Every structure is written in structure tokens, then in C-alpha cells.
């Protein structure tokens, strides 16, 4: 099976720029931010609730727990939110009702949770619209893991952040390119 494309910074900016032109621009932009800055799978993004991300006062949490039902493999895991993602979520919170913590964080056009398949289709539609044919709903996750690895984060920590039981799974997510190899040999 072919792996999803890892996006570079320019491609990521193109995605965000295009999302800001869409009918549901706040929702779609924030979905991509969650994919790229938290490394969540489409199924996990679709299952998020307001209460996962926002506390009782309406503030964005610094971390939250994905329940076994929300995550792959039936295991709970802690998701950590960086400053950039927390800012995007705060801005998104201004456009949605935060009163009901069980409400979907990202409501579909019918008002309920996205299904995992519909969330995957949203990613594919947006990538197709900007001409990224090898990108998929997993591209944000692969980019998240690869970028952290490129910044020197160890594979054990990456596996924990990604919710992988085995580091061999995490290693398959990390892209290596010629620039990285040139930089690596210069460390000697």
C-alpha cells in the first residue's frame, strides 16, 4: 500500500490558504491544523467533542485524552496541543457553540459527527482541489511525525505521541530525503 505524501511548508500553506476560501473555512482550516499539529487520524478528528478540547470555562486545554472509542486500536492516549494549535482552536471556538461538551467539535453539514469515511473524503477533496494527488487524510499525521523526527525527537517519544504500540510502526512514517542526508553527514 502506498504511503500518504508528506507535505512541505509551502504545500501546507497552500492547503490552509485554500481552506480559507471554502464555505466552512473555520472548520476546515482547523481540521487541517489538528491533523498537522496534533498528528491525529481522520477517525480521531471526526470523533472529537467540544469537551475534549475545551474546558468548562471555554479555554483550550493544553492536553486531552482520546478515549478508546475515539482512537485506533481501542487504547486511550493523551494528545498534547502546541501553542500554534491552541491559538487556532481558540479562534475556532469563537465560531462554534461551546455550551455542550458532548457536541462534535467539527460538525458535518447535517450537524452531527463526521464519519471516518466522510472526514477522509474531506481531506481528499481539498488535496485534489490544490493539485496534491498523492496526499490523503494521513498526510498530516505523516508530516507531524516526520517534522518532529527532523527536529531530533527520538522514535520512542514519537511512538508515544502517535499512539503507536511499536516503534517499527512509527519508523515507517518518517520520510528521509537528500537534504536530510547531506545535513546529517555535516554533523561529523
Protein backbone atom coordinates (compact mmCIF):
# COMPACT_ATOMS: atom_id res chain seq x y z
CA UNK A 1 0.00 0.00 0.00
CA UNK A 2 1.30 3.42 -0.97
CA UNK A 3 2.12 5.86 1.82
CA UNK A 4 0.49 9.24 2.05
CA UNK A 5 2.53 12.21 0.87
CA UNK A 6 4.39 14.22 3.49
CA UNK A 7 3.80 17.91 2.85
CA UNK A 8 6.44 20.59 2.85
CA UNK A 9 5.81 24.04 4.34
CA UNK A 10 4.73 25.60 1.02
CA UNK A 11 2.21 22.81 0.37
CA UNK A 12 0.86 23.12 3.89
CA UNK A 13 0.40 26.88 3.42
CA UNK A 14 -1.43 26.20 0.13
CA UNK A 15 -3.81 23.85 1.94
CA UNK A 16 -4.55 26.44 4.63
CA UNK A 17 -4.97 29.22 2.05
CA UNK A 18 -7.45 27.10 0.08
CA UNK A 19 -9.36 26.11 3.23
CA UNK A 20 -9.87 29.80 3.98
CA UNK A 21 -11.78 30.16 0.69
CA UNK A 22 -14.25 27.38 1.45
CA UNK A 23 -17.81 27.63 2.74
CA UNK A 24 -16.83 26.14 6.12
CA UNK A 25 -13.47 27.89 6.24
CA UNK A 26 -13.07 27.99 10.03
CA UNK A 27 -13.95 24.33 10.43
CA UNK A 28 -11.87 23.08 7.51
CA UNK A 29 -8.82 25.16 8.39
CA UNK A 30 -8.92 23.94 11.99
CA UNK A 31 -9.35 20.31 10.91
CA UNK A 32 -6.11 20.59 8.93
CA UNK A 33 -4.35 22.28 11.82
CA UNK A 34 -5.37 19.40 14.12
CA UNK A 35 -4.11 16.88 11.58
CA UNK A 36 -0.74 18.59 11.13
CA UNK A 37 -0.07 19.86 14.66
CA UNK A 38 -1.52 17.01 16.74
CA UNK A 39 -0.95 14.13 14.31
CA UNK A 40 -4.48 12.77 14.68
CA UNK A 41 -6.01 10.28 12.29
CA UNK A 42 -9.17 11.22 10.34
CA UNK A 43 -11.22 8.85 12.54
CA UNK A 44 -9.90 10.57 15.66
CA UNK A 45 -10.57 14.06 14.32
CA UNK A 46 -14.10 13.05 13.36
CA UNK A 47 -14.76 11.72 16.88
CA UNK A 48 -13.56 14.81 18.77
CA UNK A 49 -16.05 16.58 21.00
CA UNK A 50 -16.08 20.14 22.30
CA UNK A 51 -15.35 18.75 25.77
CA UNK A 52 -12.20 17.01 24.54
CA UNK A 53 -10.59 20.29 23.57
CA UNK A 54 -12.31 22.99 25.67
CA UNK A 55 -12.62 23.01 29.46
CA UNK A 56 -15.69 24.13 31.43
CA UNK A 57 -14.67 27.80 31.17
CA UNK A 58 -14.28 27.58 27.40
CA UNK A 59 -10.47 27.64 27.47
CA UNK A 60 -8.45 25.39 25.16
CA UNK A 61 -6.80 22.57 27.06
CA UNK A 62 -3.03 22.02 26.82
CA UNK A 63 -3.70 18.29 26.51
CA UNK A 64 -6.66 15.93 26.41
CA UNK A 65 -7.41 12.23 26.48
CA UNK A 66 -8.67 10.39 23.42
CA UNK A 67 -10.91 7.60 24.66
CA UNK A 68 -10.57 4.02 23.47
CA UNK A 69 -13.68 4.53 21.30
CA UNK A 70 -12.20 7.61 19.66
CA UNK A 71 -8.78 6.16 18.85
CA UNK A 72 -7.45 3.36 16.71
CA UNK A 73 -6.64 0.11 18.43
CA UNK A 74 -9.03 0.68 21.32
CA UNK A 75 -6.44 2.34 23.56
CA UNK A 76 -6.69 5.69 25.29
CA UNK A 77 -3.97 8.21 24.65
CA UNK A 78 -3.05 11.72 25.66
CA UNK A 79 -2.90 14.32 22.91
CA UNK A 80 -0.71 17.36 23.54
CA UNK A 81 -1.53 20.69 21.91
CA UNK A 82 1.21 23.15 20.97
CA UNK A 83 0.80 26.93 21.14
CA UNK A 84 0.04 27.34 17.42
CA UNK A 85 -2.73 24.73 17.51
CA UNK A 86 -4.16 26.09 20.75
CA UNK A 87 -4.39 29.55 19.15
CA UNK A 88 -6.19 28.11 16.11
CA UNK A 89 -8.60 26.21 18.36
CA UNK A 90 -9.29 29.35 20.42
CA UNK A 91 -10.17 31.21 17.23
CA UNK A 92 -12.34 28.30 16.06
CA UNK A 93 -14.08 28.30 19.45
CA UNK A 94 -15.31 31.82 18.68
CA UNK A 95 -17.36 30.37 15.77
CA UNK A 96 -18.97 27.39 17.46
CA UNK A 97 -21.19 26.87 20.48
CA UNK A 98 -19.14 25.57 23.40
CA UNK A 99 -22.08 25.04 25.79
CA UNK A 100 -22.49 21.30 25.18
CA UNK A 101 -19.26 19.35 25.84
CA UNK A 102 -20.67 16.27 24.04
CA UNK A 103 -21.27 18.23 20.83
CA UNK A 104 -18.99 17.32 17.89
CA UNK A 105 -16.00 19.64 17.68
CA UNK A 106 -16.28 19.51 13.91
CA UNK A 107 -19.91 19.22 12.86
CA UNK A 108 -20.82 17.82 9.47
CA UNK A 109 -23.30 19.64 7.24
CA UNK A 110 -26.06 17.64 8.95
CA UNK A 111 -24.89 18.88 12.35
CA UNK A 112 -23.58 15.61 13.77
CA UNK A 113 -20.17 13.97 13.90
CA UNK A 114 -18.38 13.30 10.64
CA UNK A 115 -17.97 9.62 9.92
CA UNK A 116 -14.38 8.47 9.48
CA UNK A 117 -15.02 7.98 5.75
CA UNK A 118 -16.57 11.41 5.30
CA UNK A 119 -13.63 13.01 7.10
CA UNK A 120 -11.22 11.14 4.78
CA UNK A 121 -13.21 12.38 1.80
CA UNK A 122 -12.97 15.98 3.03
CA UNK A 123 -9.17 15.68 3.08
CA UNK A 124 -9.09 14.10 -0.40
CA UNK A 125 -11.38 16.76 -1.88
CA UNK A 126 -9.22 19.59 -0.56
CA UNK A 127 -5.95 17.98 -1.64
CA UNK A 128 -7.36 17.29 -5.09
CA UNK A 129 -8.55 20.90 -5.43
CA UNK A 130 -5.00 22.19 -4.92
CA UNK A 131 -3.37 19.52 -7.09
CA UNK A 132 -1.80 17.20 -4.49
CA UNK A 133 -2.63 13.80 -5.95
CA UNK A 134 -0.62 11.63 -3.51
CA UNK A 135 -1.87 13.34 -0.34
CA UNK A 136 -4.53 11.75 1.85
CA UNK A 137 -6.08 12.06 5.29
CA UNK A 138 -2.89 10.53 6.65
CA UNK A 139 -0.62 13.22 5.17
CA UNK A 140 -0.95 15.49 8.18
CA UNK A 141 -0.07 12.64 10.52
CA UNK A 142 2.97 11.63 8.45
CA UNK A 143 4.09 15.26 8.22
CA UNK A 144 3.68 15.68 12.00
CA UNK A 145 5.84 12.63 12.77
CA UNK A 146 8.45 13.42 10.10
CA UNK A 147 8.83 17.06 11.21
CA UNK A 148 9.30 16.03 14.85
CA UNK A 149 11.85 13.41 13.83
CA UNK A 150 13.71 16.02 11.76
CA UNK A 151 13.92 18.21 14.86
CA UNK A 152 15.63 15.41 16.77
CA UNK A 153 12.70 13.93 18.70
CA UNK A 154 13.51 10.30 19.47
CA UNK A 155 11.50 7.47 17.99
CA UNK A 156 10.25 6.25 21.41
CA UNK A 157 8.74 9.66 22.14
CA UNK A 158 7.36 9.85 18.60
CA UNK A 159 5.67 6.47 19.06
CA UNK A 160 4.06 7.64 22.30
CA UNK A 161 2.84 10.88 20.71
CA UNK A 162 1.45 8.99 17.71
CA UNK A 163 -0.19 6.31 19.82
CA UNK A 164 1.84 3.51 18.25
CA UNK A 165 2.50 0.36 20.28
CA UNK A 166 5.66 -0.45 18.31
CA UNK A 167 8.44 1.91 17.23
CA UNK A 168 8.72 -0.01 13.96
CA UNK A 169 5.31 1.40 13.00
CA UNK A 170 6.48 4.92 13.79
CA UNK A 171 9.67 4.48 11.78
CA UNK A 172 7.63 3.77 8.64
CA UNK A 173 6.10 7.26 8.94
CA UNK A 174 9.40 9.12 8.85
CA UNK A 175 10.44 10.34 5.42
CA UNK A 176 14.10 10.73 4.58
CA UNK A 177 15.32 12.95 1.76
CA UNK A 178 18.62 14.03 0.20
CA UNK A 179 18.75 17.33 2.12
CA UNK A 180 18.47 15.48 5.43
CA UNK A 181 21.25 13.06 4.46
CA UNK A 182 23.54 15.96 3.43
CA UNK A 183 22.83 17.71 6.74
CA UNK A 184 23.40 14.50 8.72
CA UNK A 185 26.90 13.89 7.37
CA UNK A 186 27.83 17.50 8.16
CA UNK A 187 27.29 16.72 11.85
CA UNK A 188 30.58 14.74 11.84
